[in-house]
N, C-alpha and C. Protein backbone atom coordinates (compact mmCIF):
# COMPACT_ATOMS: atom_id res chain seq x y z
N MET A 1 74.97 48.36 121.57
CA MET A 1 75.57 49.60 122.09
C MET A 1 75.40 50.73 121.08
N SER A 2 75.02 51.91 121.58
CA SER A 2 74.77 53.04 120.68
C SER A 2 76.07 53.53 120.06
N SER A 3 75.98 53.93 118.79
CA SER A 3 77.18 54.48 118.15
C SER A 3 77.11 56.01 118.10
N SER A 4 76.25 56.58 118.96
CA SER A 4 76.11 58.05 118.92
C SER A 4 77.40 58.70 119.40
N ILE A 5 77.81 59.72 118.64
CA ILE A 5 79.07 60.40 118.93
C ILE A 5 78.81 61.72 119.67
N ILE A 6 77.58 62.25 119.47
CA ILE A 6 77.13 63.45 120.18
C ILE A 6 75.68 63.23 120.59
N LYS A 7 75.37 63.61 121.83
CA LYS A 7 73.98 63.51 122.28
C LYS A 7 73.66 64.74 123.13
N ALA A 8 72.57 65.42 122.77
CA ALA A 8 72.11 66.58 123.55
C ALA A 8 70.75 66.22 124.15
N GLU A 9 70.60 66.45 125.45
CA GLU A 9 69.33 66.14 126.14
C GLU A 9 68.83 67.37 126.87
N SER A 10 67.66 67.85 126.46
CA SER A 10 66.99 69.00 127.11
C SER A 10 67.94 70.19 127.31
N VAL A 11 68.69 70.50 126.27
CA VAL A 11 69.71 71.56 126.39
C VAL A 11 69.09 72.95 126.23
N THR A 12 69.37 73.79 127.22
CA THR A 12 68.93 75.18 127.21
C THR A 12 70.14 76.07 127.44
N LYS A 13 70.19 77.18 126.73
CA LYS A 13 71.27 78.16 126.95
C LYS A 13 70.65 79.53 127.16
N VAL A 14 70.92 80.10 128.34
CA VAL A 14 70.40 81.43 128.68
C VAL A 14 71.59 82.36 128.88
N VAL A 15 71.52 83.54 128.29
CA VAL A 15 72.56 84.55 128.47
C VAL A 15 71.95 85.72 129.23
N SER A 16 72.62 86.13 130.29
CA SER A 16 72.09 87.23 131.11
C SER A 16 72.81 88.53 130.82
N THR A 17 72.05 89.58 130.61
CA THR A 17 72.61 90.93 130.51
C THR A 17 72.20 91.66 131.79
N LYS A 18 72.57 92.92 131.90
CA LYS A 18 72.22 93.69 133.11
C LYS A 18 70.70 93.83 133.25
N THR A 19 70.02 93.86 132.11
CA THR A 19 68.58 94.16 132.17
C THR A 19 67.68 92.95 131.95
N GLU A 20 68.21 91.88 131.31
CA GLU A 20 67.29 90.77 131.00
C GLU A 20 68.03 89.45 130.84
N HIS A 21 67.25 88.37 130.82
CA HIS A 21 67.77 87.03 130.53
C HIS A 21 67.29 86.65 129.13
N LEU A 22 68.24 86.34 128.26
CA LEU A 22 67.88 85.96 126.89
C LEU A 22 68.04 84.45 126.73
N THR A 23 66.97 83.78 126.31
CA THR A 23 67.04 82.34 126.06
C THR A 23 67.45 82.13 124.60
N ILE A 24 68.68 81.66 124.41
CA ILE A 24 69.21 81.48 123.05
C ILE A 24 68.81 80.11 122.49
N LEU A 25 68.85 79.10 123.36
CA LEU A 25 68.42 77.75 122.98
C LEU A 25 67.45 77.23 124.02
N GLU A 26 66.44 76.49 123.56
CA GLU A 26 65.44 75.99 124.51
C GLU A 26 65.10 74.53 124.26
N ASP A 27 65.38 73.70 125.25
CA ASP A 27 64.98 72.29 125.26
C ASP A 27 65.36 71.56 123.96
N VAL A 28 66.65 71.61 123.62
CA VAL A 28 67.13 70.96 122.40
C VAL A 28 67.52 69.51 122.69
N ASN A 29 66.96 68.60 121.91
CA ASN A 29 67.29 67.17 122.00
C ASN A 29 67.80 66.70 120.64
N LEU A 30 68.91 65.99 120.67
CA LEU A 30 69.57 65.67 119.41
C LEU A 30 70.54 64.52 119.60
N THR A 31 70.55 63.58 118.65
CA THR A 31 71.56 62.51 118.65
C THR A 31 72.21 62.48 117.28
N ILE A 32 73.54 62.45 117.28
CA ILE A 32 74.30 62.36 116.03
C ILE A 32 75.13 61.08 116.08
N GLU A 33 74.95 60.26 115.04
CA GLU A 33 75.67 58.98 114.99
C GLU A 33 77.04 59.17 114.36
N GLU A 34 77.93 58.26 114.69
CA GLU A 34 79.29 58.30 114.13
C GLU A 34 79.22 58.18 112.61
N GLY A 35 79.95 59.04 111.90
CA GLY A 35 80.01 58.99 110.44
C GLY A 35 78.90 59.74 109.74
N GLU A 36 77.93 60.27 110.50
CA GLU A 36 76.82 61.01 109.90
C GLU A 36 77.26 62.40 109.44
N THR A 37 76.56 62.94 108.44
CA THR A 37 76.74 64.35 108.07
C THR A 37 75.43 65.07 108.38
N ILE A 38 75.54 66.10 109.20
CA ILE A 38 74.37 66.82 109.71
C ILE A 38 74.47 68.29 109.32
N ALA A 39 73.38 68.85 108.81
CA ALA A 39 73.33 70.30 108.56
C ALA A 39 72.38 70.94 109.56
N ILE A 40 72.83 72.04 110.16
CA ILE A 40 71.96 72.82 111.04
C ILE A 40 71.66 74.12 110.30
N VAL A 41 70.37 74.33 109.97
CA VAL A 41 69.98 75.50 109.18
C VAL A 41 68.99 76.34 109.98
N GLY A 42 68.80 77.58 109.52
CA GLY A 42 67.87 78.49 110.18
C GLY A 42 68.25 79.92 109.88
N THR A 43 67.36 80.84 110.20
CA THR A 43 67.64 82.25 109.92
C THR A 43 68.72 82.76 110.87
N SER A 44 69.23 83.94 110.58
CA SER A 44 70.22 84.57 111.44
C SER A 44 69.61 84.80 112.82
N GLY A 45 70.35 84.44 113.86
CA GLY A 45 69.84 84.63 115.22
C GLY A 45 68.98 83.49 115.73
N ALA A 46 68.86 82.40 114.93
CA ALA A 46 68.01 81.27 115.34
C ALA A 46 68.68 80.39 116.39
N GLY A 47 70.01 80.57 116.57
CA GLY A 47 70.73 79.78 117.57
C GLY A 47 71.63 78.69 117.01
N LYS A 48 71.85 78.72 115.66
CA LYS A 48 72.66 77.68 115.01
C LYS A 48 74.09 77.61 115.55
N SER A 49 74.75 78.77 115.54
CA SER A 49 76.16 78.79 115.96
C SER A 49 76.30 78.52 117.45
N THR A 50 75.32 78.99 118.24
CA THR A 50 75.35 78.71 119.68
C THR A 50 75.26 77.21 119.92
N LEU A 51 74.37 76.55 119.19
CA LEU A 51 74.24 75.09 119.32
C LEU A 51 75.55 74.41 118.95
N MET A 52 76.19 74.87 117.87
CA MET A 52 77.45 74.25 117.47
C MET A 52 78.53 74.43 118.53
N THR A 53 78.61 75.62 119.13
CA THR A 53 79.65 75.85 120.15
C THR A 53 79.42 74.95 121.37
N LEU A 54 78.16 74.67 121.67
CA LEU A 54 77.85 73.77 122.79
C LEU A 54 78.19 72.32 122.44
N LEU A 55 77.80 71.89 121.24
CA LEU A 55 78.06 70.51 120.82
C LEU A 55 79.57 70.23 120.76
N ALA A 56 80.35 71.27 120.44
CA ALA A 56 81.81 71.12 120.32
C ALA A 56 82.53 71.31 121.65
N GLY A 57 81.77 71.58 122.72
CA GLY A 57 82.40 71.76 124.03
C GLY A 57 83.14 73.07 124.16
N LEU A 58 82.84 74.05 123.28
CA LEU A 58 83.46 75.38 123.39
C LEU A 58 82.78 76.19 124.50
N ASP A 59 81.60 75.73 124.90
CA ASP A 59 80.82 76.38 125.97
C ASP A 59 79.97 75.28 126.60
N VAL A 60 79.38 75.57 127.77
CA VAL A 60 78.53 74.57 128.42
C VAL A 60 77.10 75.09 128.49
N PRO A 61 76.10 74.18 128.45
CA PRO A 61 74.71 74.63 128.50
C PRO A 61 74.33 75.18 129.87
N SER A 62 73.28 76.01 129.91
CA SER A 62 72.76 76.51 131.19
C SER A 62 72.05 75.38 131.93
N SER A 63 71.37 74.52 131.18
CA SER A 63 70.77 73.32 131.76
C SER A 63 70.69 72.24 130.70
N GLY A 64 70.49 71.00 131.15
CA GLY A 64 70.50 69.87 130.22
C GLY A 64 71.91 69.30 130.09
N ASN A 65 72.04 68.24 129.32
CA ASN A 65 73.32 67.53 129.17
C ASN A 65 73.73 67.42 127.72
N ILE A 66 75.04 67.52 127.49
CA ILE A 66 75.60 67.19 126.17
C ILE A 66 76.69 66.15 126.38
N GLN A 67 76.55 65.05 125.66
CA GLN A 67 77.60 64.03 125.67
C GLN A 67 78.37 64.13 124.37
N LEU A 68 79.67 64.33 124.49
CA LEU A 68 80.56 64.44 123.35
C LEU A 68 81.57 63.31 123.46
N LEU A 69 81.55 62.38 122.50
CA LEU A 69 82.44 61.22 122.55
C LEU A 69 82.30 60.49 123.89
N SER A 70 81.03 60.31 124.30
CA SER A 70 80.66 59.57 125.53
C SER A 70 81.04 60.28 126.83
N LYS A 71 81.46 61.54 126.75
CA LYS A 71 81.78 62.30 127.98
C LYS A 71 80.77 63.43 128.14
N THR A 72 80.26 63.62 129.37
CA THR A 72 79.33 64.71 129.65
C THR A 72 80.14 65.99 129.83
N ILE A 73 79.98 66.94 128.90
CA ILE A 73 80.92 68.07 128.89
C ILE A 73 80.76 69.01 130.09
N SER A 74 79.56 69.07 130.69
CA SER A 74 79.39 69.94 131.87
C SER A 74 80.20 69.44 133.05
N ASP A 75 80.55 68.15 133.04
CA ASP A 75 81.34 67.57 134.15
C ASP A 75 82.83 67.83 134.00
N LEU A 76 83.24 68.39 132.84
CA LEU A 76 84.68 68.54 132.56
C LEU A 76 85.12 69.98 132.78
N ASP A 77 86.38 70.15 133.22
CA ASP A 77 86.90 71.51 133.35
C ASP A 77 87.37 72.01 131.98
N ASP A 78 87.69 73.30 131.91
CA ASP A 78 88.07 73.93 130.63
C ASP A 78 89.24 73.19 129.96
N GLU A 79 90.21 72.79 130.78
CA GLU A 79 91.42 72.18 130.25
C GLU A 79 91.11 70.82 129.60
N THR A 80 90.26 70.04 130.28
CA THR A 80 89.89 68.72 129.72
C THR A 80 89.10 68.89 128.44
N ARG A 81 88.18 69.87 128.43
CA ARG A 81 87.40 70.11 127.21
C ARG A 81 88.33 70.53 126.06
N ALA A 82 89.30 71.40 126.38
CA ALA A 82 90.26 71.86 125.36
C ALA A 82 91.08 70.69 124.83
N SER A 83 91.42 69.77 125.71
CA SER A 83 92.20 68.60 125.32
C SER A 83 91.39 67.70 124.36
N ILE A 84 90.10 67.53 124.65
CA ILE A 84 89.22 66.73 123.77
C ILE A 84 89.14 67.39 122.39
N ARG A 85 88.97 68.73 122.38
CA ARG A 85 88.89 69.45 121.10
C ARG A 85 90.17 69.26 120.29
N SER A 86 91.30 69.41 120.97
CA SER A 86 92.59 69.32 120.30
C SER A 86 92.86 67.91 119.77
N GLU A 87 92.40 66.89 120.50
CA GLU A 87 92.65 65.50 120.12
C GLU A 87 91.69 64.99 119.04
N HIS A 88 90.42 65.38 119.15
CA HIS A 88 89.39 64.67 118.39
C HIS A 88 88.53 65.53 117.45
N LEU A 89 88.64 66.87 117.55
CA LEU A 89 87.74 67.72 116.77
C LEU A 89 88.51 68.57 115.77
N GLY A 90 87.86 68.87 114.64
CA GLY A 90 88.41 69.80 113.66
C GLY A 90 87.39 70.92 113.44
N PHE A 91 87.87 72.11 113.08
CA PHE A 91 86.98 73.26 112.90
C PHE A 91 87.30 73.99 111.59
N VAL A 92 86.23 74.38 110.89
CA VAL A 92 86.37 75.26 109.72
C VAL A 92 85.37 76.38 109.92
N PHE A 93 85.86 77.64 109.87
CA PHE A 93 84.98 78.79 110.11
C PHE A 93 84.84 79.63 108.85
N GLN A 94 83.85 80.50 108.88
CA GLN A 94 83.58 81.39 107.74
C GLN A 94 84.78 82.30 107.46
N SER A 95 85.47 82.72 108.54
CA SER A 95 86.53 83.73 108.38
C SER A 95 87.95 83.13 108.31
N PHE A 96 88.05 81.85 107.98
CA PHE A 96 89.33 81.15 107.72
C PHE A 96 90.24 81.02 108.95
N LEU A 97 90.46 82.14 109.68
CA LEU A 97 91.28 82.14 110.91
C LEU A 97 92.67 81.55 110.71
N LEU A 98 93.33 82.00 109.63
CA LEU A 98 94.73 81.58 109.42
C LEU A 98 95.66 82.56 110.12
N ILE A 99 96.85 82.08 110.49
CA ILE A 99 97.86 82.96 111.11
C ILE A 99 98.59 83.70 109.99
N PRO A 100 98.48 85.05 109.94
CA PRO A 100 99.02 85.81 108.79
C PRO A 100 100.51 85.63 108.56
N SER A 101 101.29 85.38 109.63
CA SER A 101 102.74 85.31 109.49
C SER A 101 103.25 83.92 109.13
N LEU A 102 102.33 82.94 109.06
CA LEU A 102 102.73 81.57 108.73
C LEU A 102 102.36 81.24 107.28
N SER A 103 103.21 80.44 106.64
CA SER A 103 102.92 79.97 105.28
C SER A 103 101.73 79.01 105.34
N ALA A 104 101.25 78.63 104.16
CA ALA A 104 100.17 77.63 104.09
C ALA A 104 100.59 76.37 104.85
N LEU A 105 101.83 75.93 104.61
CA LEU A 105 102.34 74.72 105.29
C LEU A 105 102.37 74.92 106.81
N GLY A 106 102.85 76.09 107.24
CA GLY A 106 102.92 76.39 108.67
C GLY A 106 101.55 76.42 109.33
N ASN A 107 100.56 76.93 108.61
CA ASN A 107 99.19 76.96 109.14
C ASN A 107 98.62 75.56 109.29
N VAL A 108 98.95 74.69 108.33
CA VAL A 108 98.40 73.33 108.38
C VAL A 108 99.07 72.50 109.48
N THR A 109 100.36 72.72 109.72
CA THR A 109 101.04 71.94 110.77
C THR A 109 100.80 72.51 112.17
N LEU A 110 100.17 73.68 112.25
CA LEU A 110 99.95 74.34 113.56
C LEU A 110 99.27 73.43 114.60
N PRO A 111 98.23 72.66 114.25
CA PRO A 111 97.61 71.80 115.26
C PRO A 111 98.60 70.83 115.94
N CYS A 112 99.65 70.40 115.20
CA CYS A 112 100.67 69.53 115.81
C CYS A 112 101.35 70.27 116.96
N LEU A 113 101.74 71.51 116.71
CA LEU A 113 102.41 72.32 117.75
C LEU A 113 101.50 72.54 118.94
N LEU A 114 100.21 72.81 118.66
CA LEU A 114 99.26 73.07 119.74
C LEU A 114 99.05 71.82 120.60
N ARG A 115 99.31 70.66 120.03
CA ARG A 115 99.19 69.40 120.78
C ARG A 115 100.52 68.99 121.40
N GLY A 116 101.55 69.84 121.20
CA GLY A 116 102.87 69.53 121.76
C GLY A 116 103.58 68.41 121.01
N GLU A 117 103.22 68.24 119.73
CA GLU A 117 103.83 67.17 118.93
C GLU A 117 104.76 67.78 117.88
N GLN A 118 105.57 66.92 117.30
CA GLN A 118 106.45 67.38 116.22
C GLN A 118 105.59 67.65 114.97
N GLU A 119 105.97 68.66 114.22
CA GLU A 119 105.22 69.00 113.00
C GLU A 119 105.37 67.87 111.98
N ASP A 120 104.24 67.38 111.49
CA ASP A 120 104.25 66.32 110.48
C ASP A 120 104.14 66.98 109.11
N GLU A 121 105.28 67.44 108.60
CA GLU A 121 105.26 68.20 107.34
C GLU A 121 104.83 67.34 106.17
N ALA A 122 105.18 66.06 106.21
CA ALA A 122 104.82 65.16 105.10
C ALA A 122 103.29 65.06 104.99
N LYS A 123 102.62 64.90 106.13
CA LYS A 123 101.15 64.81 106.11
C LYS A 123 100.54 66.14 105.67
N ALA A 124 101.12 67.25 106.15
CA ALA A 124 100.62 68.57 105.78
C ALA A 124 100.74 68.81 104.28
N ARG A 125 101.87 68.42 103.71
CA ARG A 125 102.07 68.56 102.25
C ARG A 125 101.04 67.73 101.49
N GLN A 126 100.80 66.52 101.99
CA GLN A 126 99.84 65.60 101.36
C GLN A 126 98.43 66.22 101.39
N LEU A 127 98.06 66.80 102.54
CA LEU A 127 96.74 67.43 102.66
C LEU A 127 96.63 68.64 101.74
N LEU A 128 97.69 69.44 101.66
CA LEU A 128 97.66 70.61 100.77
C LEU A 128 97.57 70.16 99.31
N GLU A 129 98.24 69.07 98.96
CA GLU A 129 98.11 68.49 97.62
C GLU A 129 96.65 68.10 97.37
N SER A 130 96.03 67.47 98.38
CA SER A 130 94.66 66.95 98.21
C SER A 130 93.64 68.08 98.06
N VAL A 131 93.98 69.28 98.55
CA VAL A 131 93.06 70.42 98.36
C VAL A 131 93.51 71.30 97.18
N GLY A 132 94.47 70.78 96.39
CA GLY A 132 94.91 71.48 95.17
C GLY A 132 95.84 72.64 95.40
N LEU A 133 96.57 72.61 96.53
CA LEU A 133 97.48 73.73 96.84
C LEU A 133 98.93 73.27 97.03
N GLY A 134 99.27 72.17 96.39
CA GLY A 134 100.64 71.67 96.51
C GLY A 134 101.68 72.67 96.04
N HIS A 135 101.28 73.53 95.09
CA HIS A 135 102.21 74.52 94.52
C HIS A 135 102.21 75.84 95.31
N ARG A 136 101.41 75.91 96.39
CA ARG A 136 101.28 77.18 97.14
C ARG A 136 101.72 77.04 98.59
N ILE A 137 102.47 75.98 98.91
CA ILE A 137 102.74 75.68 100.33
C ILE A 137 103.54 76.78 101.04
N ASP A 138 104.37 77.52 100.30
CA ASP A 138 105.19 78.55 100.94
C ASP A 138 104.54 79.92 100.95
N HIS A 139 103.34 80.03 100.40
CA HIS A 139 102.66 81.33 100.33
C HIS A 139 102.01 81.69 101.67
N LEU A 140 102.03 82.97 101.97
CA LEU A 140 101.34 83.48 103.16
C LEU A 140 99.86 83.67 102.84
N PRO A 141 99.00 83.70 103.86
CA PRO A 141 97.57 83.92 103.61
C PRO A 141 97.28 85.15 102.74
N SER A 142 98.06 86.23 102.94
CA SER A 142 97.82 87.46 102.17
C SER A 142 98.10 87.28 100.68
N GLN A 143 98.83 86.21 100.35
CA GLN A 143 99.15 85.95 98.93
C GLN A 143 98.18 84.95 98.31
N LEU A 144 97.15 84.56 99.09
CA LEU A 144 96.18 83.56 98.62
C LEU A 144 94.80 84.19 98.48
N SER A 145 94.01 83.69 97.55
CA SER A 145 92.62 84.16 97.40
C SER A 145 91.79 83.62 98.57
N GLY A 146 90.55 84.11 98.70
CA GLY A 146 89.65 83.64 99.76
C GLY A 146 89.42 82.14 99.68
N GLY A 147 89.19 81.66 98.46
CA GLY A 147 88.96 80.22 98.27
C GLY A 147 90.18 79.40 98.65
N GLU A 148 91.37 79.91 98.31
CA GLU A 148 92.60 79.20 98.65
C GLU A 148 92.83 79.20 100.16
N GLN A 149 92.51 80.33 100.80
CA GLN A 149 92.65 80.38 102.26
C GLN A 149 91.72 79.37 102.94
N GLN A 150 90.49 79.24 102.40
CA GLN A 150 89.57 78.27 103.00
C GLN A 150 90.05 76.83 102.76
N ARG A 151 90.72 76.60 101.63
CA ARG A 151 91.30 75.27 101.38
C ARG A 151 92.39 74.96 102.41
N VAL A 152 93.20 75.97 102.72
CA VAL A 152 94.24 75.79 103.75
C VAL A 152 93.58 75.45 105.09
N ALA A 153 92.49 76.18 105.40
CA ALA A 153 91.77 75.95 106.66
C ALA A 153 91.20 74.53 106.72
N ILE A 154 90.71 74.04 105.58
CA ILE A 154 90.17 72.67 105.53
C ILE A 154 91.30 71.64 105.72
N ALA A 155 92.41 71.88 105.03
CA ALA A 155 93.57 70.98 105.20
C ALA A 155 94.01 70.96 106.67
N ARG A 156 94.05 72.12 107.29
CA ARG A 156 94.43 72.22 108.71
C ARG A 156 93.46 71.43 109.60
N ALA A 157 92.15 71.53 109.27
CA ALA A 157 91.14 70.84 110.09
C ALA A 157 91.32 69.33 110.06
N PHE A 158 91.81 68.80 108.93
CA PHE A 158 91.98 67.34 108.82
C PHE A 158 93.37 66.88 109.29
N MET A 159 94.22 67.82 109.69
CA MET A 159 95.61 67.50 110.07
C MET A 159 95.66 66.49 111.22
N THR A 160 94.72 66.61 112.15
CA THR A 160 94.77 65.74 113.33
C THR A 160 93.84 64.53 113.19
N SER A 161 93.39 64.25 111.96
CA SER A 161 92.43 63.15 111.70
C SER A 161 91.27 63.20 112.70
N PRO A 162 90.50 64.30 112.69
CA PRO A 162 89.46 64.46 113.71
C PRO A 162 88.34 63.43 113.58
N LYS A 163 87.75 63.08 114.71
CA LYS A 163 86.57 62.20 114.69
C LYS A 163 85.36 63.00 114.22
N ILE A 164 85.31 64.30 114.61
CA ILE A 164 84.18 65.16 114.24
C ILE A 164 84.72 66.46 113.65
N LEU A 165 84.14 66.88 112.54
CA LEU A 165 84.49 68.18 111.95
C LEU A 165 83.29 69.12 112.09
N PHE A 166 83.52 70.27 112.71
CA PHE A 166 82.49 71.30 112.83
C PHE A 166 82.80 72.39 111.82
N ALA A 167 81.84 72.69 110.96
CA ALA A 167 82.04 73.72 109.93
C ALA A 167 80.93 74.77 110.08
N ASP A 168 81.33 76.00 110.40
CA ASP A 168 80.35 77.08 110.63
C ASP A 168 80.37 78.02 109.43
N GLU A 169 79.34 77.95 108.60
CA GLU A 169 79.22 78.77 107.38
C GLU A 169 80.52 78.75 106.56
N PRO A 170 81.02 77.55 106.19
CA PRO A 170 82.34 77.47 105.55
C PRO A 170 82.42 78.15 104.19
N THR A 171 81.25 78.41 103.56
CA THR A 171 81.27 79.06 102.24
C THR A 171 80.74 80.49 102.32
N GLY A 172 80.51 80.99 103.52
CA GLY A 172 79.86 82.29 103.71
C GLY A 172 80.60 83.47 103.10
N ASN A 173 81.93 83.39 103.03
CA ASN A 173 82.72 84.52 102.51
C ASN A 173 83.19 84.31 101.08
N LEU A 174 82.60 83.33 100.38
CA LEU A 174 83.11 82.96 99.06
C LEU A 174 82.06 83.18 97.98
N ASP A 175 82.53 83.46 96.75
CA ASP A 175 81.58 83.59 95.65
C ASP A 175 81.03 82.21 95.30
N GLN A 176 79.97 82.17 94.54
CA GLN A 176 79.22 80.93 94.30
C GLN A 176 80.07 79.82 93.68
N ASN A 177 80.87 80.19 92.70
CA ASN A 177 81.70 79.21 92.01
C ASN A 177 82.74 78.61 92.94
N THR A 178 83.42 79.48 93.72
CA THR A 178 84.43 79.03 94.67
C THR A 178 83.77 78.20 95.77
N ALA A 179 82.60 78.66 96.23
CA ALA A 179 81.88 77.95 97.29
C ALA A 179 81.57 76.52 96.86
N HIS A 180 81.15 76.35 95.61
CA HIS A 180 80.82 75.02 95.09
C HIS A 180 82.04 74.10 95.16
N LYS A 181 83.20 74.63 94.78
CA LYS A 181 84.44 73.83 94.80
C LYS A 181 84.82 73.45 96.23
N ILE A 182 84.66 74.40 97.14
CA ILE A 182 84.99 74.15 98.56
C ILE A 182 84.08 73.06 99.13
N VAL A 183 82.80 73.10 98.77
CA VAL A 183 81.84 72.10 99.25
C VAL A 183 82.24 70.71 98.77
N GLU A 184 82.57 70.60 97.47
CA GLU A 184 83.00 69.30 96.92
C GLU A 184 84.19 68.76 97.70
N LEU A 185 85.13 69.65 97.93
CA LEU A 185 86.36 69.31 98.64
C LEU A 185 86.06 68.82 100.06
N LEU A 186 85.22 69.56 100.74
CA LEU A 186 84.87 69.25 102.13
C LEU A 186 84.23 67.87 102.22
N PHE A 187 83.26 67.60 101.34
CA PHE A 187 82.56 66.31 101.39
C PHE A 187 83.46 65.16 100.94
N ASN A 188 84.32 65.40 99.94
CA ASN A 188 85.25 64.35 99.49
C ASN A 188 86.22 63.96 100.60
N LEU A 189 86.82 64.98 101.23
CA LEU A 189 87.77 64.71 102.32
C LEU A 189 87.06 64.03 103.49
N ASN A 190 85.85 64.49 103.76
CA ASN A 190 85.09 63.94 104.86
C ASN A 190 84.82 62.44 104.66
N ARG A 191 84.44 62.10 103.42
CA ARG A 191 84.18 60.69 103.08
C ARG A 191 85.46 59.87 103.20
N GLU A 192 86.53 60.44 102.65
CA GLU A 192 87.84 59.77 102.65
C GLU A 192 88.31 59.45 104.07
N HIS A 193 88.10 60.39 104.98
CA HIS A 193 88.60 60.26 106.36
C HIS A 193 87.58 59.62 107.30
N GLY A 194 86.34 59.40 106.81
CA GLY A 194 85.31 58.80 107.65
C GLY A 194 84.91 59.66 108.84
N THR A 195 84.93 60.97 108.64
CA THR A 195 84.67 61.91 109.73
C THR A 195 83.18 62.19 109.87
N THR A 196 82.73 62.43 111.10
CA THR A 196 81.37 62.92 111.34
C THR A 196 81.38 64.42 111.07
N LEU A 197 80.43 64.91 110.29
CA LEU A 197 80.41 66.34 109.92
C LEU A 197 79.18 67.02 110.50
N VAL A 198 79.42 68.11 111.25
CA VAL A 198 78.33 68.96 111.75
C VAL A 198 78.51 70.32 111.08
N LEU A 199 77.55 70.67 110.24
CA LEU A 199 77.68 71.84 109.37
C LEU A 199 76.60 72.86 109.69
N VAL A 200 77.00 74.09 110.00
CA VAL A 200 76.04 75.18 110.19
C VAL A 200 76.03 76.00 108.91
N THR A 201 74.84 76.18 108.32
CA THR A 201 74.79 76.90 107.05
C THR A 201 73.41 77.53 106.84
N HIS A 202 73.37 78.60 106.06
CA HIS A 202 72.07 79.14 105.63
C HIS A 202 71.81 78.74 104.18
N ASP A 203 72.76 77.99 103.60
CA ASP A 203 72.68 77.59 102.19
C ASP A 203 71.98 76.23 102.09
N LEU A 204 70.73 76.23 101.63
CA LEU A 204 69.96 74.99 101.59
C LEU A 204 70.52 73.95 100.62
N SER A 205 71.12 74.41 99.51
CA SER A 205 71.67 73.45 98.56
C SER A 205 72.86 72.71 99.19
N LEU A 206 73.59 73.41 100.04
CA LEU A 206 74.70 72.78 100.77
C LEU A 206 74.15 71.83 101.83
N ALA A 207 73.12 72.25 102.54
CA ALA A 207 72.51 71.42 103.58
C ALA A 207 71.97 70.12 103.00
N GLN A 208 71.43 70.20 101.79
CA GLN A 208 70.82 69.01 101.19
C GLN A 208 71.84 67.93 100.82
N ARG A 209 73.12 68.27 100.86
CA ARG A 209 74.17 67.27 100.63
C ARG A 209 74.36 66.37 101.86
N CYS A 210 73.82 66.79 102.99
CA CYS A 210 74.02 66.06 104.25
C CYS A 210 72.99 64.95 104.42
N ASP A 211 73.28 64.02 105.33
CA ASP A 211 72.36 62.92 105.63
C ASP A 211 71.07 63.44 106.25
N ARG A 212 71.20 64.46 107.09
CA ARG A 212 70.02 65.00 107.80
C ARG A 212 70.11 66.50 107.89
N ILE A 213 68.96 67.16 107.87
CA ILE A 213 68.89 68.60 108.05
C ILE A 213 68.11 68.89 109.33
N LEU A 214 68.70 69.70 110.20
CA LEU A 214 68.03 70.11 111.43
C LEU A 214 67.72 71.60 111.32
N HIS A 215 66.47 71.96 111.53
CA HIS A 215 66.07 73.36 111.42
C HIS A 215 66.03 74.00 112.82
N MET A 216 66.75 75.11 112.96
CA MET A 216 66.66 75.90 114.20
C MET A 216 65.65 77.02 113.96
N ASN A 217 64.76 77.19 114.90
CA ASN A 217 63.79 78.27 114.80
C ASN A 217 63.60 78.90 116.18
N ALA A 218 64.08 80.14 116.33
CA ALA A 218 63.98 80.88 117.60
C ALA A 218 64.45 80.02 118.77
N GLY A 219 65.61 79.38 118.60
CA GLY A 219 66.22 78.64 119.71
C GLY A 219 65.71 77.23 119.90
N ARG A 220 64.74 76.83 119.07
CA ARG A 220 64.23 75.45 119.17
C ARG A 220 64.62 74.66 117.92
N LEU A 221 64.77 73.36 118.12
CA LEU A 221 65.21 72.50 117.03
C LEU A 221 64.02 71.76 116.43
N GLU A 222 63.89 71.87 115.10
CA GLU A 222 62.85 71.13 114.39
C GLU A 222 63.54 70.19 113.42
N GLN A 223 63.30 68.91 113.56
CA GLN A 223 64.00 67.95 112.71
C GLN A 223 63.29 67.75 111.37
N GLU A 224 64.08 67.59 110.31
CA GLU A 224 63.47 67.33 108.99
C GLU A 224 63.51 65.84 108.74
């Protein structure tokens, strides 16, 4: 039995404007095994982030199939897809996306509330300790540096013990030294939790830390 956790078959994504049809992705085929770390690289506009949003069930392809955790996402309604994301997926974005009015602890426990569960403060504290922010749990995002905010975002992503973590340019807004620390943290936590990692990046040194590198070029996927 296959252990593939994500499978894309002949996936195409077309976006229509008033004047034209733009093909963002064309005939993408891809299999990701459970526990693998995958980097998707390519120039700006190559379709990396679009591919990630499709693989994560944030959008559906124009044609072709994507299987996420053995479910064909085009067959699911928005609510079911949202439920799968909330139960099984974690996200880290370039822009941190923390809630300004919540403390670091409140931001990390937020996924519990979104799932209608009681806040697991003990686990949140443990995750903040593991990202080196045990002493900053009561601080608001505005009181934290960019690197610290991204650490909070990483702790939040692991709060629900996701099967798959999607990271879109997680070091894009950070200086080189901070970015290096964030990368170490991300890979250490990923190993510890046994999570499958799908990473979108333009940073080749970061991509080379992954098991496989997939190159996007003008909407097509070239495997390395």
